[in-house]
Amino acid sequence: MPVSDSPDPLHIFVVGLDAFHLAQLCSLPGANEYAFHPLFTHRQLKCGERFPVRELLDRGRRRLQEFPGRVGAVVGYWDFPVSTVLPILRAEVGLPGPTLESVLKCEHKYWSRLEQARVVPEHIPAFCAVDPFAPQPLSQVTLDFPFWIKPVKSVLSHLGFLVRDADEFRAAIARIRSGIRRFGDPFNELLDHATLPPEIRSIDGNHCIAESLISTGRQCTLEGYSWHGDVQIYGTVDSLREGRAGSSFSRYEYPSTLPEPVQRHMGEIAARVIRQVGYDDAPFNIEFYWDEDRDRIWLLEINCRISKSHAPLFQMVDGCYHHQVMIDLGLGRRPRMPSRQGRFACAAKFMLRRYEDARVVRVPTEAEIEAIESAFPGVVIEIEVTEGMQLAELRFQDSYSYEVAVVFVGAESHAALEQIYQQVLAQLPLQFAGVNESEAGTKVGENA
């Protein structure tokens, strides 16, 4: 899959490369000087019900060491296990990047909170570790109801629950016990490669963290990087939620409409935390809440990667996918990311959801999708389901909803984003039949 017209290209290995993101990478400025190689496809990253971490590391290091040319960079844009194996693979071939310990201080949710508490204690919730397999896990909780409980390593809010009383806690623990090892066991294999402090050695990937509620106010994500200790934020994306207790994302909008002083303060908090954990020479994104009534900022979590979901938004508004940041840092260069040079003034990713299981009765054809996209310049539609499937078959969903489609929209105003999205929904032939619905089902515009 290498792509380059240069006689001496920079060879870049991408962990989990797929055709969709390869197209984005090939559109970057100067991409004709790069040769992109898959270090595993996205499908190869998981095997059945497990993530083959040991095999990925063994086969990955062999591929890199046996490559006949000079490896210029090893990068990735997926969450676990990609973000966590990258430091190990880079170290094998002497490439720049953050240490494994600094990555784990971001991705191990309990370890991350301990580090954050050392530098920004006023911006994080009360928290405690919980062993879900203990005889009486509730006895370990030092918080009052309600609170959130989630694995110390999770993806896309998987197995994260809002618990309001002991009964809901017991129900959440039952679900967590049955599913936590899918991520917990392979995460433990990576923890074995790191030097862990005493307070973390006993809190492995099959533990949970309980946190007091901070989900009031407006949520956003700061996309940034650290290069030779210089922490920079190049974009802030608003995150809007819906559903029970705001448990599910409804859309991301860029650029943020938060006040500039709030965004600057968030950037200062991010820089303190990134420097505290020692994370350097790599991209990150950090999620925050702003409690507008109390003018208080809360830090939610840190991700050691660019956000794939935000990439098209940066391209629409700034004129370049922010894969550019990832590639530059992987090559040991200060990132060169343009600003406000795109086709649109603002952009959004809308996530179309259903909140109950249903059977997919009808999905749009490629021709129907192309017709809608042609009618609305700046619209890109991705369908996440197939005809005949049950939504319960979808994997790695949050605990309260099913994401059935994604619609990217570019526009000249934030208000126009919603208007265009609703027009697209009205034309989108995507139908479902639930328990109490007829065989003809309902269209997404009628009951999503």
Protein backbone atom coordinates (compact mmCIF):
# COMPACT_ATOMS: atom_id res chain seq x y z
CA MET A 1 0.00 0.00 0.00
CA PRO A 2 2.96 2.45 -0.21
CA VAL A 3 2.11 5.71 -1.98
CA SER A 4 4.85 8.01 -3.30
CA ASP A 5 6.25 9.36 -6.53
CA SER A 6 9.57 10.25 -4.92
CA PRO A 7 12.68 8.16 -5.72
CA ASP A 8 13.71 8.39 -2.05
CA PRO A 9 10.49 8.67 0.00
CA LEU A 10 10.09 8.93 3.74
CA HIS A 11 8.77 5.53 4.78
CA ILE A 12 5.94 5.91 7.29
CA PHE A 13 4.38 2.87 8.95
CA VAL A 14 0.80 3.35 10.13
CA VAL A 15 -0.51 0.96 12.79
CA GLY A 16 -4.04 0.00 11.78
CA LEU A 17 -4.04 1.63 8.35
CA ASP A 18 -7.28 1.46 6.37
CA ALA A 19 -8.38 2.83 3.00
CA PHE A 20 -10.50 5.65 4.47
CA HIS A 21 -7.63 7.17 6.44
CA LEU A 22 -5.06 6.40 3.74
CA ALA A 23 -7.02 8.74 1.47
CA GLN A 24 -6.79 11.46 4.11
CA LEU A 25 -3.06 10.89 4.58
CA CYS A 26 -2.45 11.07 0.84
CA SER A 27 -4.13 14.49 0.70
CA LEU A 28 -1.65 16.07 3.13
CA PRO A 29 0.78 18.71 1.84
CA GLY A 30 3.95 17.03 0.67
CA ALA A 31 2.39 13.56 0.74
CA ASN A 32 4.06 12.75 -2.58
CA GLU A 33 7.30 12.52 -0.58
CA TYR A 34 5.86 9.87 1.76
CA ALA A 35 5.43 6.14 1.32
CA PHE A 36 2.73 4.86 3.67
CA HIS A 37 2.93 1.24 4.79
CA PRO A 38 0.39 -0.65 6.92
CA LEU A 39 1.84 -2.04 10.13
CA PHE A 40 -1.26 -4.23 10.43
CA THR A 41 -4.60 -3.26 8.99
CA HIS A 42 -7.37 -2.15 11.31
CA ARG A 43 -8.98 -5.58 11.02
CA GLN A 44 -5.76 -7.29 12.11
CA LEU A 45 -5.65 -5.29 15.34
CA LYS A 46 -8.26 -7.51 16.95
CA CYS A 47 -8.76 -11.24 16.71
CA GLY A 48 -12.23 -12.48 17.66
CA GLU A 49 -12.98 -11.41 21.21
CA ARG A 50 -9.47 -10.38 22.12
CA PHE A 51 -6.71 -7.97 21.15
CA PRO A 52 -3.57 -9.98 20.28
CA VAL A 53 -1.14 -7.54 21.92
CA ARG A 54 1.79 -9.95 22.20
CA GLU A 55 1.47 -10.99 18.55
CA LEU A 56 1.18 -7.35 17.45
CA LEU A 57 4.37 -6.45 19.25
CA ASP A 58 6.32 -9.49 18.03
CA ARG A 59 5.22 -9.23 14.41
CA GLY A 60 5.43 -5.44 14.41
CA ARG A 61 9.01 -5.25 15.65
CA ARG A 62 10.06 -7.97 13.16
CA ARG A 63 8.47 -6.11 10.26
CA LEU A 64 10.19 -2.86 11.22
CA GLN A 65 13.59 -4.45 11.82
CA GLU A 66 13.47 -6.44 8.57
CA PHE A 67 12.28 -3.53 6.41
CA PRO A 68 14.97 -2.94 3.74
CA GLY A 69 14.64 0.85 3.77
CA ARG A 70 14.94 3.47 6.49
CA VAL A 71 11.86 3.73 8.68
CA GLY A 72 11.05 7.43 9.05
CA ALA A 73 8.09 7.20 11.42
CA VAL A 74 5.67 4.81 13.11
CA VAL A 75 2.30 6.45 13.79
CA GLY A 76 -1.32 5.63 14.56
CA TYR A 77 -4.67 7.33 15.11
CA TRP A 78 -6.66 4.55 16.80
CA ASP A 79 -7.26 4.19 20.51
CA PHE A 80 -6.30 1.02 22.37
CA PRO A 81 -4.24 -0.95 21.61
CA VAL A 82 -2.58 1.27 18.99
CA SER A 83 -1.86 4.29 21.17
CA THR A 84 -0.33 2.04 23.83
CA VAL A 85 1.85 -0.18 21.62
CA LEU A 86 3.32 2.74 19.66
CA PRO A 87 5.90 3.72 22.32
CA ILE A 88 7.20 0.15 22.45
CA LEU A 89 7.45 -0.22 18.67
CA ARG A 90 9.13 3.16 18.22
CA ALA A 91 11.70 2.37 20.89
CA GLU A 92 12.60 -0.84 19.04
CA VAL A 93 13.81 1.16 16.01
CA GLY A 94 15.08 4.29 17.78
CA LEU A 95 12.35 6.71 16.68
CA PRO A 96 11.24 9.78 18.65
CA GLY A 97 8.11 9.73 20.75
CA PRO A 98 6.76 9.64 24.29
CA THR A 99 7.78 7.01 26.82
CA LEU A 100 5.45 4.11 27.56
CA GLU A 101 5.11 5.30 31.16
CA SER A 102 4.00 8.78 30.07
CA VAL A 103 1.37 7.26 27.78
CA LEU A 104 0.09 4.98 30.55
CA LYS A 105 -0.13 7.98 32.90
CA CYS A 106 -2.70 9.34 30.45
CA GLU A 107 -4.53 6.15 29.45
CA HIS A 108 -4.77 4.35 32.83
CA LYS A 109 -7.66 6.38 34.18
CA TYR A 110 -6.78 5.92 37.86
CA TRP A 111 -3.05 6.61 37.37
CA SER A 112 -3.98 9.63 35.27
CA ARG A 113 -6.15 11.08 38.06
CA LEU A 114 -3.35 10.61 40.58
CA GLU A 115 -0.99 12.61 38.35
CA GLN A 116 -3.60 15.29 37.66
CA ALA A 117 -4.27 15.64 41.38
CA ARG A 118 -0.62 16.67 41.86
CA VAL A 119 -0.87 19.73 39.60
CA VAL A 120 -4.54 20.63 38.97
CA PRO A 121 -6.49 19.23 41.97
CA GLU A 122 -9.13 21.96 41.72
CA HIS A 123 -10.06 20.81 38.20
CA ILE A 124 -10.76 17.11 38.79
CA PRO A 125 -13.56 15.23 40.60
CA ALA A 126 -13.27 13.09 43.71
CA PHE A 127 -12.30 9.55 42.70
CA CYS A 128 -11.34 6.12 44.00
CA ALA A 129 -10.28 2.72 42.66
CA VAL A 130 -12.70 -0.23 42.72
CA ASP A 131 -12.01 -3.93 42.25
CA PRO A 132 -15.17 -5.23 40.53
CA PHE A 133 -14.28 -8.81 41.45
CA ALA A 134 -14.03 -8.11 45.19
CA PRO A 135 -16.69 -9.80 47.37
CA GLN A 136 -18.20 -6.41 48.29
CA PRO A 137 -17.01 -3.85 45.72
CA LEU A 138 -19.36 -1.15 47.00
CA SER A 139 -17.46 -1.12 50.31
CA GLN A 140 -14.43 0.28 48.38
CA VAL A 141 -16.32 3.32 47.13
CA THR A 142 -15.57 6.48 49.08
CA LEU A 143 -18.06 8.64 47.15
CA ASP A 144 -21.73 9.42 47.71
CA PHE A 145 -24.34 8.48 45.09
CA PRO A 146 -24.68 9.37 42.27
CA PHE A 147 -21.33 8.73 40.61
CA TRP A 148 -19.82 7.26 37.45
CA ILE A 149 -18.01 3.93 37.38
CA LYS A 150 -15.90 2.73 34.46
CA PRO A 151 -12.88 0.50 33.79
CA VAL A 152 -9.46 2.07 34.20
CA LYS A 153 -8.99 1.20 30.51
CA SER A 154 -11.99 1.56 28.28
CA VAL A 155 -12.80 2.64 24.73
CA LEU A 156 -15.72 4.81 23.57
CA SER A 157 -17.32 4.85 27.05
CA HIS A 158 -17.62 1.05 26.91
CA LEU A 159 -18.82 -0.28 30.30
CA GLY A 160 -19.17 3.21 31.75
CA PHE A 161 -22.25 3.60 33.96
CA LEU A 162 -23.99 6.31 35.92
CA VAL A 163 -25.07 4.73 39.23
CA ARG A 164 -27.59 6.44 41.49
CA ASP A 165 -28.10 3.80 44.15
CA ALA A 166 -26.87 0.41 45.37
CA ASP A 167 -29.13 -1.52 42.99
CA GLU A 168 -27.78 0.30 39.94
CA PHE A 169 -24.25 -0.22 41.27
CA ARG A 170 -24.78 -3.97 41.54
CA ALA A 171 -26.25 -4.09 38.01
CA ALA A 172 -23.29 -2.13 36.64
CA ILE A 173 -20.78 -4.38 38.41
CA ALA A 174 -22.44 -7.46 36.89
CA ARG A 175 -22.07 -5.98 33.40
CA ILE A 176 -18.49 -4.90 34.09
CA ARG A 177 -17.47 -8.32 35.41
CA SER A 178 -18.72 -9.99 32.24
CA GLY A 179 -16.93 -7.65 29.84
CA ILE A 180 -13.98 -5.91 31.46
CA ARG A 181 -11.38 -8.54 30.56
CA ARG A 182 -11.75 -7.84 26.83
CA PHE A 183 -9.69 -4.67 27.27
CA GLY A 184 -8.30 -5.35 30.74
CA ASP A 185 -6.29 -8.49 29.96
CA PRO A 186 -4.44 -7.09 26.91
CA PHE A 187 -3.91 -3.80 28.76
CA ASN A 188 -2.22 -5.79 31.53
CA GLU A 189 0.19 -7.25 28.97
CA LEU A 190 1.29 -3.71 28.15
CA LEU A 191 1.51 -2.73 31.82
CA ASP A 192 4.05 -5.55 32.16
CA HIS A 193 6.39 -3.60 29.86
CA ALA A 194 6.38 -0.51 32.09
CA THR A 195 7.96 0.52 35.37
CA LEU A 196 4.99 1.12 37.68
CA PRO A 197 4.92 3.01 40.98
CA PRO A 198 3.74 1.11 44.08
CA GLU A 199 0.30 2.75 44.10
CA ILE A 200 -0.41 1.45 40.58
CA ARG A 201 1.01 -2.09 40.69
CA SER A 202 -2.12 -3.49 42.33
CA ILE A 203 -4.58 -1.48 40.17
CA ASP A 204 -4.43 -3.40 36.90
CA GLY A 205 -6.56 -3.22 33.77
CA ASN A 206 -9.37 -5.24 35.34
CA HIS A 207 -10.04 -2.57 37.95
CA CYS A 208 -12.42 0.36 37.79
CA ILE A 209 -12.43 3.98 38.79
CA ALA A 210 -15.42 5.66 40.44
CA GLU A 211 -15.74 9.43 40.02
CA SER A 212 -18.12 12.02 41.38
CA LEU A 213 -20.27 13.76 38.77
CA ILE A 214 -18.81 16.62 36.77
CA SER A 215 -21.10 16.39 33.74
CA THR A 216 -22.70 19.80 34.13
CA GLY A 217 -21.93 22.55 31.67
CA ARG A 218 -20.44 22.63 28.21
CA GLN A 219 -18.01 19.97 27.01
CA CYS A 220 -15.15 20.42 24.58
CA THR A 221 -11.93 18.76 23.45
CA LEU A 222 -8.59 20.50 23.03
CA GLU A 223 -6.45 19.06 20.25
CA GLY A 224 -2.76 19.70 20.80
CA TYR A 225 0.76 18.36 20.87
CA SER A 226 3.99 18.52 22.83
CA TRP A 227 7.22 19.00 20.88
CA HIS A 228 10.50 19.16 22.81
CA GLY A 229 8.55 20.27 25.89
CA ASP A 230 6.61 22.99 24.06
CA VAL A 231 2.87 22.28 24.55
CA GLN A 232 0.62 23.83 21.90
CA ILE A 233 -3.16 23.75 21.36
CA TYR A 234 -4.18 24.13 17.70
CA GLY A 235 -7.95 23.64 17.93
CA THR A 236 -10.89 23.35 20.32
CA VAL A 237 -13.92 21.26 19.34
CA ASP A 238 -17.27 21.46 21.15
CA SER A 239 -18.90 18.16 22.17
CA LEU A 240 -22.67 18.08 22.53
CA ARG A 241 -24.45 15.25 24.32
CA GLU A 242 -27.93 13.76 24.47
CA GLY A 243 -29.74 10.83 26.09
CA ARG A 244 -29.86 9.72 29.69
CA ALA A 245 -27.82 12.10 31.87
CA GLY A 246 -26.12 13.33 28.70
CA SER A 247 -24.52 9.92 28.34
CA SER A 248 -24.09 9.87 24.54
CA PHE A 249 -22.44 12.26 22.10
CA SER A 250 -24.80 13.80 19.56
CA ARG A 251 -22.29 15.91 17.62
CA TYR A 252 -18.88 17.60 17.55
CA GLU A 253 -18.63 21.21 16.30
CA TYR A 254 -15.56 23.17 15.24
CA PRO A 255 -14.44 25.80 15.98
CA SER A 256 -15.60 26.04 19.57
CA THR A 257 -18.02 28.75 20.63
CA LEU A 258 -16.64 28.84 24.19
CA PRO A 259 -15.29 32.23 25.33
CA GLU A 260 -11.63 32.76 24.43
CA PRO A 261 -10.55 33.26 28.08
CA VAL A 262 -12.06 29.88 28.99
CA GLN A 263 -10.26 28.17 26.11
CA ARG A 264 -6.96 29.79 27.13
CA HIS A 265 -7.40 28.64 30.74
CA MET A 266 -8.09 25.11 29.54
CA GLY A 267 -4.92 25.27 27.47
CA GLU A 268 -2.93 26.28 30.55
CA ILE A 269 -4.37 23.36 32.53
CA ALA A 270 -3.58 20.97 29.65
CA ALA A 271 0.03 22.15 29.50
CA ARG A 272 0.52 21.62 33.25
CA VAL A 273 -0.82 18.07 33.08
CA ILE A 274 1.07 17.09 29.91
CA ARG A 275 4.33 18.30 31.45
CA GLN A 276 3.54 16.57 34.76
CA VAL A 277 3.18 13.15 33.11
CA GLY A 278 6.24 13.72 30.90
CA TYR A 279 4.37 13.20 27.62
CA ASP A 280 6.40 14.66 24.74
CA ASP A 281 6.95 14.62 20.97
CA ALA A 282 3.44 13.38 20.17
CA PRO A 283 -0.15 14.60 19.70
CA PHE A 284 -2.90 14.43 22.31
CA ASN A 285 -6.44 15.56 22.95
CA ILE A 286 -7.93 16.43 26.32
CA GLU A 287 -11.64 16.59 27.13
CA PHE A 288 -12.95 19.33 29.44
CA TYR A 289 -16.21 20.59 30.91
CA TRP A 290 -16.92 24.24 31.60
CA ASP A 291 -19.55 24.88 34.29
CA GLU A 292 -20.75 28.20 32.94
CA ASP A 293 -22.84 29.10 36.01
CA ARG A 294 -19.90 28.71 38.41
CA ASP A 295 -17.18 29.51 35.86
CA ARG A 296 -15.43 26.29 36.81
CA ILE A 297 -13.36 24.04 34.53
CA TRP A 298 -13.23 20.25 34.91
CA LEU A 299 -10.74 17.94 33.21
CA LEU A 300 -12.42 14.77 31.97
CA GLU A 301 -9.72 12.63 30.31
CA ILE A 302 -6.59 12.57 28.15
CA ASN A 303 -6.15 10.66 24.87
CA CYS A 304 -2.67 10.00 23.45
CA ARG A 305 -3.59 10.46 19.79
CA ILE A 306 -5.35 12.74 17.35
CA SER A 307 -9.11 12.30 17.15
CA LYS A 308 -10.21 10.57 13.94
CA SER A 309 -13.67 12.10 14.41
CA HIS A 310 -12.25 15.62 14.35
CA ALA A 311 -10.01 15.14 11.31
CA PRO A 312 -12.66 16.01 8.66
CA LEU A 313 -13.68 19.07 10.72
CA PHE A 314 -10.13 20.44 10.61
CA GLN A 315 -9.96 19.78 6.89
CA MET A 316 -13.24 21.66 6.25
CA VAL A 317 -12.34 24.68 8.42
CA ASP A 318 -8.53 24.84 8.48
CA GLY A 319 -7.84 23.28 5.09
CA CYS A 320 -5.88 20.20 6.27
CA TYR A 321 -6.58 16.97 8.13
CA HIS A 322 -4.79 17.11 11.46
CA HIS A 323 -3.05 13.88 10.54
CA GLN A 324 -0.47 16.49 9.53
CA VAL A 325 0.36 17.00 13.22
CA MET A 326 0.75 13.26 13.77
CA ILE A 327 3.02 12.82 10.72
CA ASP A 328 5.25 15.81 11.50
CA LEU A 329 5.79 14.70 15.10
CA GLY A 330 6.42 11.11 14.00
CA LEU A 331 9.16 12.40 11.70
CA GLY A 332 10.69 14.46 14.51
CA ARG A 333 9.51 17.84 13.17
CA ARG A 334 7.55 20.70 14.71
CA PRO A 335 4.00 20.41 13.31
CA ARG A 336 2.91 22.67 10.45
CA MET A 337 -0.87 22.96 10.82
CA PRO A 338 -2.73 25.68 8.87
CA SER A 339 -5.55 27.70 10.42
CA ARG A 340 -8.83 28.90 8.87
CA GLN A 341 -7.78 28.12 5.32
CA GLY A 342 -10.58 25.65 4.62
CA ARG A 343 -13.74 25.85 2.54
CA PHE A 344 -16.14 26.43 5.43
CA ALA A 345 -16.35 28.68 8.48
CA CYS A 346 -17.47 25.82 10.71
CA ALA A 347 -18.10 22.08 10.58
CA ALA A 348 -19.72 19.32 12.59
CA LYS A 349 -19.85 15.57 12.95
CA PHE A 350 -23.41 14.43 13.78
CA MET A 351 -23.83 10.99 15.32
CA LEU A 352 -27.23 9.48 14.56
CA ARG A 353 -28.33 7.22 17.43
CA ARG A 354 -31.10 4.93 18.55
CA TYR A 355 -31.69 4.16 22.21
CA GLU A 356 -33.34 0.74 21.92
CA ASP A 357 -32.41 -2.40 20.03
CA ALA A 358 -34.02 -2.75 16.61
CA ARG A 359 -33.58 -4.56 13.34
CA VAL A 360 -32.22 -2.63 10.37
CA VAL A 361 -34.89 -2.79 7.66
CA ARG A 362 -33.35 -0.52 5.03
CA VAL A 363 -30.02 1.18 4.41
CA PRO A 364 -29.29 3.67 1.63
CA THR A 365 -27.46 2.51 -1.47
CA GLU A 366 -24.16 4.06 -2.52
CA ALA A 367 -26.00 5.88 -5.30
CA GLU A 368 -28.52 7.32 -2.83
CA ILE A 369 -25.75 8.50 -0.52
CA GLU A 370 -23.87 10.09 -3.43
CA ALA A 371 -27.07 11.89 -4.52
CA ILE A 372 -27.57 13.39 -1.06
CA GLU A 373 -23.90 14.39 -0.77
CA SER A 374 -24.08 16.05 -4.21
CA ALA A 375 -27.18 17.99 -3.18
CA PHE A 376 -25.48 19.29 -0.03
CA PRO A 377 -21.85 20.37 -0.66
CA GLY A 378 -19.76 19.71 2.43
CA VAL A 379 -21.82 16.70 3.54
CA VAL A 380 -20.21 13.27 3.99
CA ILE A 381 -22.33 10.31 5.14
CA GLU A 382 -21.06 7.11 6.77
CA ILE A 383 -23.53 4.30 7.54
CA GLU A 384 -22.51 2.13 10.49
CA VAL A 385 -25.11 -0.63 10.08
CA THR A 386 -26.09 -3.20 7.46
CA GLU A 387 -29.50 -4.32 6.32
CA GLY A 388 -30.96 -7.12 8.43
CA MET A 389 -28.67 -6.72 11.45
CA GLN A 390 -29.80 -6.18 15.03
CA LEU A 391 -28.38 -3.06 16.62
CA ALA A 392 -27.33 -5.17 19.60
CA GLU A 393 -24.74 -6.75 17.25
CA LEU A 394 -22.86 -3.42 17.03
CA ARG A 395 -19.62 -3.52 18.99
CA PHE A 396 -17.90 -0.98 21.23
CA GLN A 397 -20.95 1.20 21.74
CA ASP A 398 -21.50 3.34 24.81
CA SER A 399 -23.69 1.78 27.51
CA TYR A 400 -26.91 3.59 26.55
CA SER A 401 -27.22 3.92 22.77
CA TYR A 402 -26.38 2.58 19.31
CA GLU A 403 -24.59 4.76 16.75
CA VAL A 404 -26.15 3.91 13.39
CA ALA A 405 -24.73 6.60 11.10
CA VAL A 406 -22.42 9.61 10.98
CA VAL A 407 -23.00 12.78 8.98
CA PHE A 408 -20.22 15.35 8.50
CA VAL A 409 -21.46 18.84 7.59
CA GLY A 410 -19.61 22.01 6.59
CA ALA A 411 -21.39 25.37 6.62
CA GLU A 412 -20.95 29.13 6.97
CA SER A 413 -22.53 29.30 10.43
CA HIS A 414 -23.21 27.06 13.42
CA ALA A 415 -26.97 27.51 12.94
CA ALA A 416 -26.72 26.35 9.33
CA LEU A 417 -25.02 23.12 10.44
CA GLU A 418 -28.16 21.92 12.24
CA GLN A 419 -30.43 23.05 9.41
CA ILE A 420 -28.47 21.13 6.79
CA TYR A 421 -28.30 18.05 9.02
CA GLN A 422 -32.07 17.95 9.44
CA GLN A 423 -32.54 18.28 5.68
CA VAL A 424 -30.15 15.36 5.14
CA LEU A 425 -32.03 13.21 7.68
CA ALA A 426 -35.31 13.88 5.89
CA GLN A 427 -33.85 12.40 2.70
CA LEU A 428 -31.84 9.56 4.22
CA PRO A 429 -33.53 6.17 3.51
CA LEU A 430 -32.47 4.45 6.74
CA GLN A 431 -35.21 2.44 8.46
CA PHE A 432 -35.57 0.26 11.55
CA ALA A 433 -38.14 -2.10 13.03
CA GLY A 434 -38.22 -2.29 16.81
CA VAL A 435 -40.22 -4.48 19.16
CA ASN A 436 -43.30 -2.29 18.90
CA GLU A 437 -42.85 -1.14 15.32
CA SER A 438 -44.28 -2.50 12.11
CA GLU A 439 -42.24 -4.48 9.60
CA ALA A 440 -42.01 -1.31 7.51
CA GLY A 441 -40.19 0.28 10.42
CA THR A 442 -39.53 3.95 11.05
CA LYS A 443 -37.29 6.32 9.14
CA VAL A 444 -34.46 7.96 11.01
CA GLY A 445 -36.12 11.34 10.70
CA GLU A 446 -39.23 10.04 12.43
CA ASN A 447 -37.76 8.26 15.46
CA ALA A 448 -34.01 8.09 15.84
